[in-house]
């Protein structure tokens, strides 16, 4: 090949190489743009929580403000009936009481300490939520996921019963009026931290803000497990 011919080939090779690199860059950009955004993940987790027939659920705070009558802990099975069967630990006048609770539709039955049998109660009187609504698409934890804004993806960690799940952490904010549908009295914006599996299952949700009027902020952490749980829950009391 003559020098003149070689000099003509070099620019053509450079142009071809540049086009190839550009094409690769375009594919990479498309791949990144196709990745799930935090909003996509929350939408999928919301849908997953909405369609499941039931989950085992725990709710707990370790910093309930002093002097507040409110819920300290809840654990049990929530279904889409809607229903809940489990227990609530409430703090009244500085003392904690664990109360067996069954909620079906709008009826909440509880075994009140020192009171025989089951009683029809209004959980708001104890600063507690209606547990039957935990899986409500409009008034439960799914609604909180749907109302979350300013979402950011954080690190991934291992978790689950046998530490065999990959959980990705997300942070965001949610309005108090949405949180109040789950825990009465909530007001102002709330900080939110969620842990979500690769299968779009919400595994843990932490909410920090003012849950009780004229009280300091505190954090409730909610755990979700055993998606797909089914349970026939019947109310053990009659409405008053």
C-alpha atoms as a PDB file:
ATOM      1  CA  UNK A   1       0.000   0.000   0.000  1.00  0.00           C
ATOM      2  CA  UNK A   2       1.418   3.392  -0.977  1.00  0.00           C
ATOM      3  CA  UNK A   3       1.860   6.136   1.557  1.00  0.00           C
ATOM      4  CA  UNK A   4      -0.847   8.228  -0.160  1.00  0.00           C
ATOM      5  CA  UNK A   5      -3.336   5.325  -0.004  1.00  0.00           C
ATOM      6  CA  UNK A   6      -2.562   4.554   3.675  1.00  0.00           C
ATOM      7  CA  UNK A   7      -3.055   8.181   4.631  1.00  0.00           C
ATOM      8  CA  UNK A   8      -6.510   8.011   3.059  1.00  0.00           C
ATOM      9  CA  UNK A   9      -7.452   4.842   4.986  1.00  0.00           C
ATOM     10  CA  UNK A  10      -6.544   6.171   8.450  1.00  0.00           C
ATOM     11  CA  UNK A  11      -9.276   8.853   8.611  1.00  0.00           C
ATOM     12  CA  UNK A  12     -11.842   6.299   7.461  1.00  0.00           C
ATOM     13  CA  UNK A  13     -10.779   3.907  10.231  1.00  0.00           C
ATOM     14  CA  UNK A  14     -11.019   6.688  12.809  1.00  0.00           C
ATOM     15  CA  UNK A  15     -14.534   7.575  11.651  1.00  0.00           C
ATOM     16  CA  UNK A  16     -15.628   3.939  11.749  1.00  0.00           C
ATOM     17  CA  UNK A  17     -14.164   3.448  15.240  1.00  0.00           C
ATOM     18  CA  UNK A  18     -15.880   6.612  16.460  1.00  0.00           C
ATOM     19  CA  UNK A  19     -19.231   5.444  15.114  1.00  0.00           C
ATOM     20  CA  UNK A  20     -18.763   2.084  16.837  1.00  0.00           C
ATOM     21  CA  UNK A  21     -17.946   3.688  20.183  1.00  0.00           C
ATOM     22  CA  UNK A  22     -20.909   6.028  19.801  1.00  0.00           C
ATOM     23  CA  UNK A  23     -23.223   3.107  19.112  1.00  0.00           C
ATOM     24  CA  UNK A  24     -21.966   1.257  22.185  1.00  0.00           C
ATOM     25  CA  UNK A  25     -22.478   4.363  24.280  1.00  0.00           C
ATOM     26  CA  UNK A  26     -26.028   4.665  22.988  1.00  0.00           C
ATOM     27  CA  UNK A  27     -26.819   1.082  23.950  1.00  0.00           C
ATOM     28  CA  UNK A  28     -25.400   1.642  27.438  1.00  0.00           C
ATOM     29  CA  UNK A  29     -27.459   4.781  27.886  1.00  0.00           C
ATOM     30  CA  UNK A  30     -30.583   2.947  26.784  1.00  0.00           C
ATOM     31  CA  UNK A  31     -29.845   0.171  29.279  1.00  0.00           C
ATOM     32  CA  UNK A  32     -29.542   2.684  32.087  1.00  0.00           C
ATOM     33  CA  UNK A  33     -32.697   4.494  31.063  1.00  0.00           C
ATOM     34  CA  UNK A  34     -34.514   1.150  31.107  1.00  0.00           C
ATOM     35  CA  UNK A  35     -33.554   0.469  34.731  1.00  0.00           C
ATOM     36  CA  UNK A  36     -36.242   0.757  37.415  1.00  0.00           C
ATOM     37  CA  UNK A  37     -36.518   4.133  39.066  1.00  0.00           C
ATOM     38  CA  UNK A  38     -37.349   4.362  42.791  1.00  0.00           C
ATOM     39  CA  UNK A  39     -40.839   5.412  41.744  1.00  0.00           C
ATOM     40  CA  UNK A  40     -41.161   2.245  39.643  1.00  0.00           C
ATOM     41  CA  UNK A  41     -40.049   0.114  42.587  1.00  0.00           C
ATOM     42  CA  UNK A  42     -42.505   1.746  44.990  1.00  0.00           C
ATOM     43  CA  UNK A  43     -45.331   1.375  42.483  1.00  0.00           C
ATOM     44  CA  UNK A  44     -44.562  -2.333  42.091  1.00  0.00           C
ATOM     45  CA  UNK A  45     -44.271  -2.828  45.864  1.00  0.00           C
ATOM     46  CA  UNK A  46     -47.579  -1.014  46.345  1.00  0.00           C
ATOM     47  CA  UNK A  47     -49.265  -3.301  43.800  1.00  0.00           C
ATOM     48  CA  UNK A  48     -47.714  -6.393  45.400  1.00  0.00           C
ATOM     49  CA  UNK A  49     -49.008  -5.409  48.831  1.00  0.00           C
ATOM     50  CA  UNK A  50     -52.443  -4.633  47.401  1.00  0.00           C
ATOM     51  CA  UNK A  51     -52.998  -8.001  45.697  1.00  0.00           C
ATOM     52  CA  UNK A  52     -51.647 -10.319  48.392  1.00  0.00           C
ATOM     53  CA  UNK A  53     -54.373 -12.148  50.336  1.00  0.00           C
ATOM     54  CA  UNK A  54     -52.443 -11.662  53.553  1.00  0.00           C
ATOM     55  CA  UNK A  55     -49.153 -11.048  55.339  1.00  0.00           C
ATOM     56  CA  UNK A  56     -47.697 -11.510  58.778  1.00  0.00           C
ATOM     57  CA  UNK A  57     -47.023  -8.076  60.162  1.00  0.00           C
ATOM     58  CA  UNK A  58     -45.193  -6.448  63.058  1.00  0.00           C
ATOM     59  CA  UNK A  59     -45.269  -2.804  64.098  1.00  0.00           C
ATOM     60  CA  UNK A  60     -43.142  -1.324  66.860  1.00  0.00           C
ATOM     61  CA  UNK A  61     -41.759   1.892  68.291  1.00  0.00           C
ATOM     62  CA  UNK A  62     -38.869   2.105  70.714  1.00  0.00           C
ATOM     63  CA  UNK A  63     -39.263   5.836  71.367  1.00  0.00           C
ATOM     64  CA  UNK A  64     -42.927   6.422  72.202  1.00  0.00           C
ATOM     65  CA  UNK A  65     -43.011   9.966  73.645  1.00  0.00           C
ATOM     66  CA  UNK A  66     -43.237  10.107  77.428  1.00  0.00           C
ATOM     67  CA  UNK A  67     -46.725  10.611  78.815  1.00  0.00           C
ATOM     68  CA  UNK A  68     -48.437   9.503  75.605  1.00  0.00           C
ATOM     69  CA  UNK A  69     -51.240   6.950  75.532  1.00  0.00           C
ATOM     70  CA  UNK A  70     -50.557   5.117  72.314  1.00  0.00           C
ATOM     71  CA  UNK A  71     -49.560   1.975  70.525  1.00  0.00           C
ATOM     72  CA  UNK A  72     -46.177   0.509  71.364  1.00  0.00           C
ATOM     73  CA  UNK A  73     -46.323  -2.689  69.369  1.00  0.00           C
ATOM     74  CA  UNK A  74     -48.582  -4.781  67.140  1.00  0.00           C
ATOM     75  CA  UNK A  75     -48.114  -8.218  65.662  1.00  0.00           C
ATOM     76  CA  UNK A  76     -50.375 -10.621  63.858  1.00  0.00           C
ATOM     77  CA  UNK A  77     -51.845 -11.592  60.505  1.00  0.00           C
ATOM     78  CA  UNK A  78     -53.471  -9.009  58.239  1.00  0.00           C
ATOM     79  CA  UNK A  79     -55.671 -10.107  55.337  1.00  0.00           C
ATOM     80  CA  UNK A  80     -57.483  -8.444  52.477  1.00  0.00           C
ATOM     81  CA  UNK A  81     -60.920  -9.441  53.880  1.00  0.00           C
ATOM     82  CA  UNK A  82     -60.172  -6.872  55.415  1.00  0.00           C
ATOM     83  CA  UNK A  83     -59.240  -8.436  58.752  1.00  0.00           C
ATOM     84  CA  UNK A  84     -56.533  -8.715  61.378  1.00  0.00           C
ATOM     85  CA  UNK A  85     -55.851 -11.172  64.174  1.00  0.00           C
ATOM     86  CA  UNK A  86     -53.085 -10.655  66.670  1.00  0.00           C
ATOM     87  CA  UNK A  87     -52.252  -8.382  69.563  1.00  0.00           C
ATOM     88  CA  UNK A  88     -51.640  -4.720  70.266  1.00  0.00           C
ATOM     89  CA  UNK A  89     -49.427  -3.495  73.076  1.00  0.00           C
ATOM     90  CA  UNK A  90     -50.728  -0.113  74.210  1.00  0.00           C
ATOM     91  CA  UNK A  91     -49.325   2.259  76.794  1.00  0.00           C
ATOM     92  CA  UNK A  92     -51.888   3.799  79.148  1.00  0.00           C
ATOM     93  CA  UNK A  93     -50.861   6.099  82.005  1.00  0.00           C
ATOM     94  CA  UNK A  94     -47.284   4.909  81.702  1.00  0.00           C
ATOM     95  CA  UNK A  95     -48.106   1.192  81.808  1.00  0.00           C
ATOM     96  CA  UNK A  96     -47.960  -1.196  78.853  1.00  0.00           C
ATOM     97  CA  UNK A  97     -50.789  -3.669  78.261  1.00  0.00           C
ATOM     98  CA  UNK A  98     -50.777  -6.426  75.659  1.00  0.00           C
ATOM     99  CA  UNK A  99     -54.294  -6.767  74.292  1.00  0.00           C
ATOM    100  CA  UNK A 100     -55.490  -9.596  72.006  1.00  0.00           C
ATOM    101  CA  UNK A 101     -57.266  -7.977  69.059  1.00  0.00           C
ATOM    102  CA  UNK A 102     -59.400  -9.142  66.151  1.00  0.00           C
ATOM    103  CA  UNK A 103     -60.554  -6.676  63.518  1.00  0.00           C
ATOM    104  CA  UNK A 104     -63.012  -7.523  60.740  1.00  0.00           C
ATOM    105  CA  UNK A 105     -64.250  -4.780  58.428  1.00  0.00           C
ATOM    106  CA  UNK A 106     -65.136  -1.861  60.743  1.00  0.00           C
ATOM    107  CA  UNK A 107     -65.550  -3.997  63.861  1.00  0.00           C
ATOM    108  CA  UNK A 108     -62.619  -4.235  66.300  1.00  0.00           C
ATOM    109  CA  UNK A 109     -62.843  -6.719  69.175  1.00  0.00           C
ATOM    110  CA  UNK A 110     -60.373  -6.709  72.055  1.00  0.00           C
ATOM    111  CA  UNK A 111     -59.843  -8.494  75.328  1.00  0.00           C
ATOM    112  CA  UNK A 112     -59.570  -5.496  77.631  1.00  0.00           C
ATOM    113  CA  UNK A 113     -57.545  -6.111  80.833  1.00  0.00           C
ATOM    114  CA  UNK A 114     -59.753  -6.852  83.853  1.00  0.00           C
ATOM    115  CA  UNK A 115     -62.776  -7.167  81.545  1.00  0.00           C
ATOM    116  CA  UNK A 116     -64.150 -10.663  80.800  1.00  0.00           C
ATOM    117  CA  UNK A 117     -64.555 -11.813  77.205  1.00  0.00           C
ATOM    118  CA  UNK A 118     -64.293  -9.743  74.066  1.00  0.00           C
ATOM    119  CA  UNK A 119     -65.438  -6.137  73.784  1.00  0.00           C
ATOM    120  CA  UNK A 120     -66.293  -3.935  70.798  1.00  0.00           C
ATOM    121  CA  UNK A 121     -63.769  -1.073  70.994  1.00  0.00           C
ATOM    122  CA  UNK A 122     -62.760   2.031  69.102  1.00  0.00           C
ATOM    123  CA  UNK A 123     -58.963   1.689  68.750  1.00  0.00           C
ATOM    124  CA  UNK A 124     -58.625   5.473  68.291  1.00  0.00           C
ATOM    125  CA  UNK A 125     -59.537   5.804  71.990  1.00  0.00           C
ATOM    126  CA  UNK A 126     -56.190   4.161  72.714  1.00  0.00           C
ATOM    127  CA  UNK A 127     -54.220   6.015  70.049  1.00  0.00           C
ATOM    128  CA  UNK A 128     -54.173   2.812  68.027  1.00  0.00           C
ATOM    129  CA  UNK A 129     -55.032   2.131  64.378  1.00  0.00           C
ATOM    130  CA  UNK A 130     -57.855  -0.032  63.075  1.00  0.00           C
ATOM    131  CA  UNK A 131     -55.719  -3.093  62.318  1.00  0.00           C
ATOM    132  CA  UNK A 132     -58.191  -4.490  59.784  1.00  0.00           C
ATOM    133  CA  UNK A 133     -57.198  -1.642  57.461  1.00  0.00           C
ATOM    134  CA  UNK A 134     -53.484  -2.424  57.309  1.00  0.00           C
ATOM    135  CA  UNK A 135     -53.820  -3.912  53.802  1.00  0.00           C
ATOM    136  CA  UNK A 136     -56.411  -1.451  52.543  1.00  0.00           C
ATOM    137  CA  UNK A 137     -55.346  -0.040  49.146  1.00  0.00           C
ATOM    138  CA  UNK A 138     -56.687   3.395  50.106  1.00  0.00           C
ATOM    139  CA  UNK A 139     -56.097   3.586  53.858  1.00  0.00           C
ATOM    140  CA  UNK A 140     -53.313   1.114  54.616  1.00  0.00           C
ATOM    141  CA  UNK A 141     -49.585   0.799  54.128  1.00  0.00           C
ATOM    142  CA  UNK A 142     -50.002   0.481  50.356  1.00  0.00           C
ATOM    143  CA  UNK A 143     -51.441   4.005  50.338  1.00  0.00           C
ATOM    144  CA  UNK A 144     -48.325   5.246  52.128  1.00  0.00           C
ATOM    145  CA  UNK A 145     -46.131   3.749  49.409  1.00  0.00           C
ATOM    146  CA  UNK A 146     -48.270   5.403  46.757  1.00  0.00           C
ATOM    147  CA  UNK A 147     -48.020   8.830  48.403  1.00  0.00           C
ATOM    148  CA  UNK A 148     -44.243   8.774  48.984  1.00  0.00           C
ATOM    149  CA  UNK A 149     -42.190  11.489  47.251  1.00  0.00           C
ATOM    150  CA  UNK A 150     -38.533  12.579  46.999  1.00  0.00           C
ATOM    151  CA  UNK A 151     -37.561   8.939  46.679  1.00  0.00           C
ATOM    152  CA  UNK A 152     -33.888   7.995  46.628  1.00  0.00           C
ATOM    153  CA  UNK A 153     -32.235   4.619  46.256  1.00  0.00           C
ATOM    154  CA  UNK A 154     -29.626   3.676  48.846  1.00  0.00           C
ATOM    155  CA  UNK A 155     -27.457   0.631  49.457  1.00  0.00           C
ATOM    156  CA  UNK A 156     -28.472  -3.018  49.184  1.00  0.00           C
ATOM    157  CA  UNK A 157     -28.146  -5.342  52.177  1.00  0.00           C
ATOM    158  CA  UNK A 158     -28.792  -8.969  53.021  1.00  0.00           C
ATOM    159  CA  UNK A 159     -31.857  -9.800  55.080  1.00  0.00           C
ATOM    160  CA  UNK A 160     -34.786 -12.155  55.490  1.00  0.00           C
ATOM    161  CA  UNK A 161     -35.312 -15.044  57.873  1.00  0.00           C
ATOM    162  CA  UNK A 162     -32.187 -16.897  56.712  1.00  0.00           C
ATOM    163  CA  UNK A 163     -30.333 -13.810  55.512  1.00  0.00           C
ATOM    164  CA  UNK A 164     -30.907 -15.069  51.967  1.00  0.00           C
ATOM    165  CA  UNK A 165     -32.641 -12.015  50.501  1.00  0.00           C
ATOM    166  CA  UNK A 166     -31.204  -8.934  48.871  1.00  0.00           C
ATOM    167  CA  UNK A 167     -32.987  -5.880  50.240  1.00  0.00           C
ATOM    168  CA  UNK A 168     -32.574  -2.441  48.715  1.00  0.00           C
ATOM    169  CA  UNK A 169     -33.072   0.597  50.922  1.00  0.00           C
ATOM    170  CA  UNK A 170     -35.015   3.641  49.796  1.00  0.00           C
ATOM    171  CA  UNK A 171     -35.720   6.945  51.518  1.00  0.00           C
ATOM    172  CA  UNK A 172     -38.407   9.542  50.934  1.00  0.00           C
ATOM    173  CA  UNK A 173     -41.162  11.608  52.525  1.00  0.00           C
ATOM    174  CA  UNK A 174     -44.901  11.102  52.932  1.00  0.00           C
ATOM    175  CA  UNK A 175     -47.657  13.526  54.039  1.00  0.00           C
ATOM    176  CA  UNK A 176     -49.041  13.188  57.547  1.00  0.00           C
ATOM    177  CA  UNK A 177     -52.630  13.012  56.349  1.00  0.00           C
ATOM    178  CA  UNK A 178     -51.807   9.744  54.590  1.00  0.00           C
ATOM    179  CA  UNK A 179     -49.955   8.320  57.601  1.00  0.00           C
ATOM    180  CA  UNK A 180     -52.929   9.304  59.797  1.00  0.00           C
ATOM    181  CA  UNK A 181     -55.097   6.854  57.860  1.00  0.00           C
ATOM    182  CA  UNK A 182     -53.002   4.106  59.433  1.00  0.00           C
ATOM    183  CA  UNK A 183     -52.066   5.679  62.771  1.00  0.00           C
ATOM    184  CA  UNK A 184     -54.550   8.339  63.966  1.00  0.00           C
ATOM    185  CA  UNK A 185     -53.131  11.675  65.078  1.00  0.00           C
ATOM    186  CA  UNK A 186     -50.205  11.785  62.651  1.00  0.00           C
ATOM    187  CA  UNK A 187     -49.468  15.260  61.265  1.00  0.00           C
ATOM    188  CA  UNK A 188     -46.813  17.043  59.226  1.00  0.00           C
ATOM    189  CA  UNK A 189     -44.414  15.425  56.797  1.00  0.00           C
ATOM    190  CA  UNK A 190     -42.854  12.088  57.678  1.00  0.00           C
ATOM    191  CA  UNK A 191     -39.472  10.677  56.815  1.00  0.00           C
ATOM    192  CA  UNK A 192     -39.694   7.249  55.240  1.00  0.00           C
ATOM    193  CA  UNK A 193     -37.186   4.420  54.929  1.00  0.00           C
ATOM    194  CA  UNK A 194     -38.173   1.243  53.104  1.00  0.00           C
ATOM    195  CA  UNK A 195     -36.482  -2.073  52.440  1.00  0.00           C
ATOM    196  CA  UNK A 196     -37.780  -3.815  49.306  1.00  0.00           C
ATOM    197  CA  UNK A 197     -36.810  -7.187  47.836  1.00  0.00           C
ATOM    198  CA  UNK A 198     -35.907  -7.909  44.219  1.00  0.00           C
ATOM    199  CA  UNK A 199     -39.386  -9.499  43.962  1.00  0.00           C
ATOM    200  CA  UNK A 200     -41.041  -6.164  44.826  1.00  0.00           C
ATOM    201  CA  UNK A 201     -42.035  -7.223  48.340  1.00  0.00           C
ATOM    202  CA  UNK A 202     -41.937  -4.499  50.961  1.00  0.00           C
ATOM    203  CA  UNK A 203     -40.056  -6.100  53.816  1.00  0.00           C
ATOM    204  CA  UNK A 204     -39.667  -3.185  56.218  1.00  0.00           C
ATOM    205  CA  UNK A 205     -41.066   0.334  56.456  1.00  0.00           C
ATOM    206  CA  UNK A 206     -39.883   2.925  58.990  1.00  0.00           C
ATOM    207  CA  UNK A 207     -41.825   6.174  59.448  1.00  0.00           C
ATOM    208  CA  UNK A 208     -40.487   9.080  61.505  1.00  0.00           C
ATOM    209  CA  UNK A 209     -42.575  12.105  62.432  1.00  0.00           C
ATOM    210  CA  UNK A 210     -45.188  13.444  64.832  1.00  0.00           C
ATOM    211  CA  UNK A 211     -47.725  10.681  65.405  1.00  0.00           C
ATOM    212  CA  UNK A 212     -49.408  12.190  68.457  1.00  0.00           C
ATOM    213  CA  UNK A 213     -50.638  15.779  68.986  1.00  0.00           C
ATOM    214  CA  UNK A 214     -48.389  17.984  71.145  1.00  0.00           C
ATOM    215  CA  UNK A 215     -45.706  15.290  71.285  1.00  0.00           C
ATOM    216  CA  UNK A 216     -42.177  14.835  70.007  1.00  0.00           C
ATOM    217  CA  UNK A 217     -41.512  12.904  66.840  1.00  0.00           C
ATOM    218  CA  UNK A 218     -40.932   9.171  67.066  1.00  0.00           C
ATOM    219  CA  UNK A 219     -40.389   6.254  64.710  1.00  0.00           C
ATOM    220  CA  UNK A 220     -42.616   3.294  63.928  1.00  0.00           C
ATOM    221  CA  UNK A 221     -41.010   0.351  62.142  1.00  0.00           C
ATOM    222  CA  UNK A 222     -43.274  -2.093  60.336  1.00  0.00           C
ATOM    223  CA  UNK A 223     -42.197  -5.539  59.167  1.00  0.00           C
ATOM    224  CA  UNK A 224     -43.945  -7.550  56.429  1.00  0.00           C
ATOM    225  CA  UNK A 225     -43.418 -11.268  55.863  1.00  0.00           C
ATOM    226  CA  UNK A 226     -45.086 -14.398  54.474  1.00  0.00           C
ATOM    227  CA  UNK A 227     -46.842 -12.762  51.527  1.00  0.00           C
ATOM    228  CA  UNK A 228     -49.713 -14.927  50.318  1.00  0.00           C
ATOM    229  CA  UNK A 229     -50.799 -15.957  53.823  1.00  0.00           C
ATOM    230  CA  UNK A 230     -54.464 -16.940  54.015  1.00  0.00           C
ATOM    231  CA  UNK A 231     -56.552 -17.022  57.197  1.00  0.00           C
ATOM    232  CA  UNK A 232     -60.263 -17.076  57.887  1.00  0.00           C
ATOM    233  CA  UNK A 233     -60.671 -14.478  60.620  1.00  0.00           C
ATOM    234  CA  UNK A 234     -64.024 -14.146  62.355  1.00  0.00           C
ATOM    235  CA  UNK A 235     -65.052 -11.419  64.799  1.00  0.00           C
ATOM    236  CA  UNK A 236     -65.463 -12.828  68.343  1.00  0.00           C
ATOM    237  CA  UNK A 237     -67.748  -9.965  69.464  1.00  0.00           C
ATOM    238  CA  UNK A 238     -70.872  -8.229  68.268  1.00  0.00           C
ATOM    239  CA  UNK A 239     -71.057  -4.506  67.508  1.00  0.00           C
ATOM    240  CA  UNK A 240     -72.501  -2.411  70.318  1.00  0.00           C
END
